[in-house]
Amino acid sequence: MELVWGSLAWLAGTVQYTVAFHQMSRANPDEKIPQIFGLPRNHPGEIYVYRAVAVMLLMLSFFAWADLLGYWGVLLILSGTIPAAVLNARHNGRVHDPRSTNRLG
């Protein structure tokens, strides 16, 4: 039964982390968002709460799965951030960076 709750916690944490990124991208529709370090121009304060809840749920899933997977359960935490990383890459690919344009011609 622990594995079911751990799986649900992982799913909820992954969705929460993805929703937090979606709100960040809506606050910065025309600006690239750093993948790991740095902050975009508009950074809503509630994003910190959403990310904290997401990390807490992902860590809860790690503890639920730790008996079966051992330290490999850390991969659960990392894999929970993959959807948000993909959305970040797609967002940054859509955004036009004015620093990359050639203004000579």
C-alpha atoms as a PDB file:
ATOM      1  CA  MET A   1       0.000   0.000   0.000  1.00  0.00           C
ATOM      2  CA  GLU A   2       2.956   2.305   0.600  1.00  0.00           C
ATOM      3  CA  LEU A   3       3.892   2.023  -3.062  1.00  0.00           C
ATOM      4  CA  VAL A   4       0.452   3.203  -4.149  1.00  0.00           C
ATOM      5  CA  TRP A   5       0.679   6.288  -1.939  1.00  0.00           C
ATOM      6  CA  GLY A   6       4.246   6.854  -3.085  1.00  0.00           C
ATOM      7  CA  SER A   7       3.173   6.666  -6.711  1.00  0.00           C
ATOM      8  CA  LEU A   8       0.310   9.081  -6.104  1.00  0.00           C
ATOM      9  CA  ALA A   9       2.669  11.467  -4.302  1.00  0.00           C
ATOM     10  CA  TRP A  10       5.093  11.267  -7.258  1.00  0.00           C
ATOM     11  CA  LEU A  11       2.323  11.978  -9.742  1.00  0.00           C
ATOM     12  CA  ALA A  12       0.980  14.888  -7.682  1.00  0.00           C
ATOM     13  CA  GLY A  13       4.496  16.327  -7.245  1.00  0.00           C
ATOM     14  CA  THR A  14       5.223  16.067 -10.949  1.00  0.00           C
ATOM     15  CA  VAL A  15       1.952  17.770 -11.856  1.00  0.00           C
ATOM     16  CA  GLN A  16       2.516  20.467  -9.228  1.00  0.00           C
ATOM     17  CA  TYR A  17       6.030  21.196 -10.528  1.00  0.00           C
ATOM     18  CA  THR A  18       4.716  21.391 -14.092  1.00  0.00           C
ATOM     19  CA  VAL A  19       1.868  23.718 -13.077  1.00  0.00           C
ATOM     20  CA  ALA A  20       4.397  25.959 -11.307  1.00  0.00           C
ATOM     21  CA  PHE A  21       6.416  26.215 -14.513  1.00  0.00           C
ATOM     22  CA  HIS A  22       3.290  26.894 -16.551  1.00  0.00           C
ATOM     23  CA  GLN A  23       2.462  29.843 -14.302  1.00  0.00           C
ATOM     24  CA  MET A  24       6.035  31.094 -14.659  1.00  0.00           C
ATOM     25  CA  SER A  25       5.804  30.920 -18.447  1.00  0.00           C
ATOM     26  CA  ARG A  26       2.473  32.784 -18.417  1.00  0.00           C
ATOM     27  CA  ALA A  27       4.086  35.532 -16.334  1.00  0.00           C
ATOM     28  CA  ASN A  28       6.962  35.760 -18.846  1.00  0.00           C
ATOM     29  CA  PRO A  29       5.470  35.117 -22.288  1.00  0.00           C
ATOM     30  CA  ASP A  30       8.137  37.092 -24.177  1.00  0.00           C
ATOM     31  CA  GLU A  31      11.233  36.291 -22.124  1.00  0.00           C
ATOM     32  CA  LYS A  32      13.403  33.222 -21.876  1.00  0.00           C
ATOM     33  CA  ILE A  33      13.291  31.425 -18.552  1.00  0.00           C
ATOM     34  CA  PRO A  34      16.595  30.071 -17.185  1.00  0.00           C
ATOM     35  CA  GLN A  35      16.670  26.294 -16.994  1.00  0.00           C
ATOM     36  CA  ILE A  36      18.509  25.936 -13.662  1.00  0.00           C
ATOM     37  CA  PHE A  37      20.099  29.127 -12.322  1.00  0.00           C
ATOM     38  CA  GLY A  38      18.764  32.656 -12.514  1.00  0.00           C
ATOM     39  CA  LEU A  39      15.370  34.307 -12.406  1.00  0.00           C
ATOM     40  CA  PRO A  40      13.244  35.741 -15.190  1.00  0.00           C
ATOM     41  CA  ARG A  41      12.110  39.353 -15.047  1.00  0.00           C
ATOM     42  CA  ASN A  42       8.633  38.538 -13.684  1.00  0.00           C
ATOM     43  CA  HIS A  43       8.758  35.980 -10.904  1.00  0.00           C
ATOM     44  CA  PRO A  44       5.448  35.531  -9.054  1.00  0.00           C
ATOM     45  CA  GLY A  45       5.967  34.891  -5.352  1.00  0.00           C
ATOM     46  CA  GLU A  46       3.547  31.988  -5.178  1.00  0.00           C
ATOM     47  CA  ILE A  47       5.868  29.970  -7.418  1.00  0.00           C
ATOM     48  CA  TYR A  48       8.088  29.355  -4.382  1.00  0.00           C
ATOM     49  CA  VAL A  49       5.174  27.770  -2.515  1.00  0.00           C
ATOM     50  CA  TYR A  50       4.178  25.618  -5.494  1.00  0.00           C
ATOM     51  CA  ARG A  51       7.719  24.378  -5.967  1.00  0.00           C
ATOM     52  CA  ALA A  52       8.140  23.658  -2.250  1.00  0.00           C
ATOM     53  CA  VAL A  53       4.974  21.553  -2.243  1.00  0.00           C
ATOM     54  CA  ALA A  54       6.136  19.754  -5.394  1.00  0.00           C
ATOM     55  CA  VAL A  55       9.550  18.950  -3.909  1.00  0.00           C
ATOM     56  CA  MET A  56       7.917  17.790  -0.679  1.00  0.00           C
ATOM     57  CA  LEU A  57       5.642  15.411  -2.605  1.00  0.00           C
ATOM     58  CA  LEU A  58       8.544  14.105  -4.698  1.00  0.00           C
ATOM     59  CA  MET A  59      10.592  13.493  -1.551  1.00  0.00           C
ATOM     60  CA  LEU A  60       7.616  11.719   0.018  1.00  0.00           C
ATOM     61  CA  SER A  61       7.497   9.415  -2.991  1.00  0.00           C
ATOM     62  CA  PHE A  62      11.218   8.736  -2.559  1.00  0.00           C
ATOM     63  CA  PHE A  63      10.700   7.677   1.056  1.00  0.00           C
ATOM     64  CA  ALA A  64       7.772   5.454   0.078  1.00  0.00           C
ATOM     65  CA  TRP A  65       9.798   3.738  -2.647  1.00  0.00           C
ATOM     66  CA  ALA A  66      13.131   3.667  -0.761  1.00  0.00           C
ATOM     67  CA  ASP A  67      12.612   0.150   0.641  1.00  0.00           C
ATOM     68  CA  LEU A  68      12.226  -1.270  -2.837  1.00  0.00           C
ATOM     69  CA  LEU A  69      14.625   0.899  -4.829  1.00  0.00           C
ATOM     70  CA  GLY A  70      17.121   2.025  -2.211  1.00  0.00           C
ATOM     71  CA  TYR A  71      19.111   5.076  -3.197  1.00  0.00           C
ATOM     72  CA  TRP A  72      17.979   4.656  -6.793  1.00  0.00           C
ATOM     73  CA  GLY A  73      14.739   6.216  -5.591  1.00  0.00           C
ATOM     74  CA  VAL A  74      16.459   9.594  -5.973  1.00  0.00           C
ATOM     75  CA  LEU A  75      15.826   9.120  -9.684  1.00  0.00           C
ATOM     76  CA  LEU A  76      12.129   9.478  -8.868  1.00  0.00           C
ATOM     77  CA  ILE A  77      12.759  13.026  -7.709  1.00  0.00           C
ATOM     78  CA  LEU A  78      14.808  13.836 -10.806  1.00  0.00           C
ATOM     79  CA  SER A  79      12.362  12.203 -13.197  1.00  0.00           C
ATOM     80  CA  GLY A  80       9.539  14.245 -11.688  1.00  0.00           C
ATOM     81  CA  THR A  81      11.139  17.406 -13.033  1.00  0.00           C
ATOM     82  CA  ILE A  82      11.486  16.182 -16.628  1.00  0.00           C
ATOM     83  CA  PRO A  83       8.064  17.427 -17.870  1.00  0.00           C
ATOM     84  CA  ALA A  84       8.781  20.945 -16.580  1.00  0.00           C
ATOM     85  CA  ALA A  85      12.244  20.876 -18.175  1.00  0.00           C
ATOM     86  CA  VAL A  86      10.718  19.895 -21.523  1.00  0.00           C
ATOM     87  CA  LEU A  87       8.147  22.682 -21.254  1.00  0.00           C
ATOM     88  CA  ASN A  88      10.942  25.113 -20.390  1.00  0.00           C
ATOM     89  CA  ALA A  89      12.904  24.126 -23.482  1.00  0.00           C
ATOM     90  CA  ARG A  90       9.795  24.497 -25.658  1.00  0.00           C
ATOM     91  CA  HIS A  91       9.010  27.905 -24.122  1.00  0.00           C
ATOM     92  CA  ASN A  92      12.558  29.157 -24.660  1.00  0.00           C
ATOM     93  CA  GLY A  93      12.494  27.881 -28.240  1.00  0.00           C
ATOM     94  CA  ARG A  94       9.352  29.904 -28.997  1.00  0.00           C
ATOM     95  CA  VAL A  95      10.648  33.119 -27.448  1.00  0.00           C
ATOM     96  CA  HIS A  96      12.522  35.460 -29.738  1.00  0.00           C
ATOM     97  CA  ASP A  97      15.750  36.648 -28.130  1.00  0.00           C
ATOM     98  CA  PRO A  98      16.459  40.244 -29.259  1.00  0.00           C
ATOM     99  CA  ARG A  99      20.151  39.854 -28.381  1.00  0.00           C
ATOM    100  CA  SER A 100      20.563  37.189 -31.073  1.00  0.00           C
ATOM    101  CA  THR A 101      19.370  39.304 -34.006  1.00  0.00           C
ATOM    102  CA  ASN A 102      21.724  40.939 -36.451  1.00  0.00           C
ATOM    103  CA  ARG A 103      20.924  44.651 -36.474  1.00  0.00           C
ATOM    104  CA  LEU A 104      23.457  45.569 -39.162  1.00  0.00           C
ATOM    105  CA  GLY A 105      21.318  44.769 -42.148  1.00  0.00           C
END
